Amino acid sequence: MVRLPSRLWVEALIRRCEVAGASAFIVQKGDADRGDTLIKVARLDGTAAAYSPSTNLDGERVFRDLSVQGVGPDEASVDAYIQRARQRDSDLWVVEIEDRQGRHFLTEDIESE
């Protein structure tokens, strides 16, 4: 399966957010073609969620809800995780979405296990 370049995928995600009335911005730019993307959803009430890319058994791109790994729901916990991830991977894209409803706007499947 052909994967969109990371830059285009991030731009499309940000556009979906904006069309739906949420705000989204790039916290860190990664590799334009192949960088992974970490998503933070800030609910603007001190809580947040984080989603990390993965591949399922069929080879399809999915996102993992990191709350099952103990990341969040407090925003400080999510920010600490993101900071560690940024230090490990300089090609990582980090996108922050601000949405009171907590929507992530991902079109990929979300795994929560």
Protein backbone atom coordinates (compact mmCIF):
# COMPACT_ATOMS: atom_id res chain seq x y z
CA MET A 1 0.00 0.00 0.00
CA VAL A 2 1.33 3.43 -0.96
CA ARG A 3 1.48 5.92 1.89
CA LEU A 4 1.06 9.66 1.45
CA PRO A 5 4.12 11.75 2.25
CA SER A 6 3.95 12.83 5.89
CA ARG A 7 3.78 16.52 5.02
CA LEU A 8 0.66 16.04 2.89
CA TRP A 9 -0.97 13.78 5.47
CA VAL A 10 -0.39 16.38 8.21
CA GLU A 11 -1.73 19.19 6.03
CA ALA A 12 -4.90 17.16 5.34
CA LEU A 13 -5.38 16.45 9.06
CA ILE A 14 -5.04 20.12 9.93
CA ARG A 15 -7.52 21.04 7.20
CA ARG A 16 -10.09 18.50 8.52
CA CYS A 17 -9.74 20.07 11.97
CA GLU A 18 -10.19 23.60 10.69
CA VAL A 19 -13.23 22.70 8.58
CA ALA A 20 -14.87 21.20 11.68
CA GLY A 21 -14.18 24.32 13.77
CA ALA A 22 -11.21 23.04 15.79
CA SER A 23 -7.67 24.41 15.87
CA ALA A 24 -4.61 22.42 14.91
CA PHE A 25 -0.98 23.30 14.54
CA ILE A 26 2.40 21.70 13.99
CA VAL A 27 4.50 21.54 17.15
CA GLN A 28 7.41 19.82 15.41
CA LYS A 29 8.11 19.20 11.74
CA GLY A 30 9.58 15.84 10.91
CA ASP A 31 10.80 14.21 7.74
CA ALA A 32 8.60 15.50 4.90
CA ASP A 33 8.19 12.10 3.29
CA ARG A 34 8.45 9.34 5.89
CA GLY A 35 8.29 10.85 9.39
CA ASP A 36 5.79 9.37 11.83
CA THR A 37 3.14 11.65 13.31
CA LEU A 38 2.23 11.89 16.98
CA ILE A 39 -1.16 13.51 17.63
CA LYS A 40 -2.08 15.40 20.81
CA VAL A 41 -5.70 16.35 21.41
CA ALA A 42 -6.04 19.07 24.04
CA ARG A 43 -9.59 19.40 25.38
CA LEU A 44 -8.85 22.86 26.81
CA ASP A 45 -9.89 21.79 30.32
CA GLY A 46 -6.51 20.47 31.50
CA THR A 47 -7.01 17.04 29.94
CA ALA A 48 -5.59 15.64 26.73
CA ALA A 49 -5.13 12.47 24.71
CA ALA A 50 -2.31 11.23 22.51
CA TYR A 51 -2.30 8.96 19.48
CA SER A 52 0.71 7.24 17.96
CA PRO A 53 0.99 5.53 14.55
CA SER A 54 1.35 1.78 14.29
CA THR A 55 0.80 -0.98 11.76
CA ASN A 56 -1.83 -3.66 12.26
CA LEU A 57 -1.44 -7.34 11.34
CA ASP A 58 -2.74 -6.62 7.83
CA GLY A 59 0.01 -4.05 7.25
CA GLU A 60 -2.41 -1.10 7.40
CA ARG A 61 -1.60 2.11 9.22
CA VAL A 62 -3.57 2.56 12.42
CA PHE A 63 -3.19 4.81 15.45
CA ARG A 64 -2.86 3.64 19.04
CA ASP A 65 -4.68 5.47 21.80
CA LEU A 66 -1.84 5.97 24.28
CA SER A 67 -4.20 6.22 27.26
CA VAL A 68 -3.97 2.43 27.52
CA GLN A 69 -0.26 2.92 28.25
CA GLY A 70 -1.02 5.40 31.02
CA VAL A 71 -0.47 8.54 28.95
CA GLY A 72 -3.03 11.13 30.07
CA PRO A 73 -5.70 12.06 30.75
CA ASP A 74 -3.94 15.03 32.38
CA GLU A 75 -2.31 17.30 29.82
CA ALA A 76 1.02 17.35 31.70
CA SER A 77 1.35 13.57 31.30
CA VAL A 78 0.70 13.84 27.57
CA ASP A 79 3.20 16.69 27.21
CA ALA A 80 5.86 14.71 29.08
CA TYR A 81 5.34 11.72 26.77
CA ILE A 82 5.58 13.95 23.69
CA GLN A 83 8.79 15.55 24.97
CA ARG A 84 10.39 12.12 25.41
CA ALA A 85 9.23 11.03 21.96
CA ARG A 86 10.68 14.18 20.38
CA GLN A 87 14.04 13.48 21.99
CA ARG A 88 14.04 9.91 20.61
CA ASP A 89 12.97 10.73 17.05
CA SER A 90 14.07 13.89 15.25
CA ASP A 91 12.01 12.87 12.18
CA LEU A 92 8.78 12.86 14.23
CA TRP A 93 5.93 15.18 13.37
CA VAL A 94 3.92 16.41 16.36
CA VAL A 95 0.48 17.88 15.72
CA GLU A 96 -1.59 19.44 18.48
CA ILE A 97 -5.34 19.66 18.04
CA GLU A 98 -7.35 21.90 20.34
CA ASP A 99 -10.95 20.76 20.54
CA ARG A 100 -13.28 20.97 23.53
CA GLN A 101 -15.08 17.83 22.33
CA GLY A 102 -11.83 15.85 22.23
CA ARG A 103 -12.13 14.88 18.56
CA HIS A 104 -8.96 13.54 16.93
CA PHE A 105 -10.07 13.84 13.28
CA LEU A 106 -8.08 10.75 12.30
CA THR A 107 -9.54 8.72 9.46
CA GLU A 108 -7.40 5.69 10.30
CA ASP A 109 -8.63 3.06 12.76
CA ILE A 110 -7.86 3.68 16.42
CA GLU A 111 -6.58 0.78 18.50
CA SER A 112 -7.20 1.07 22.22
CA GLU A 113 -5.66 -2.20 23.35
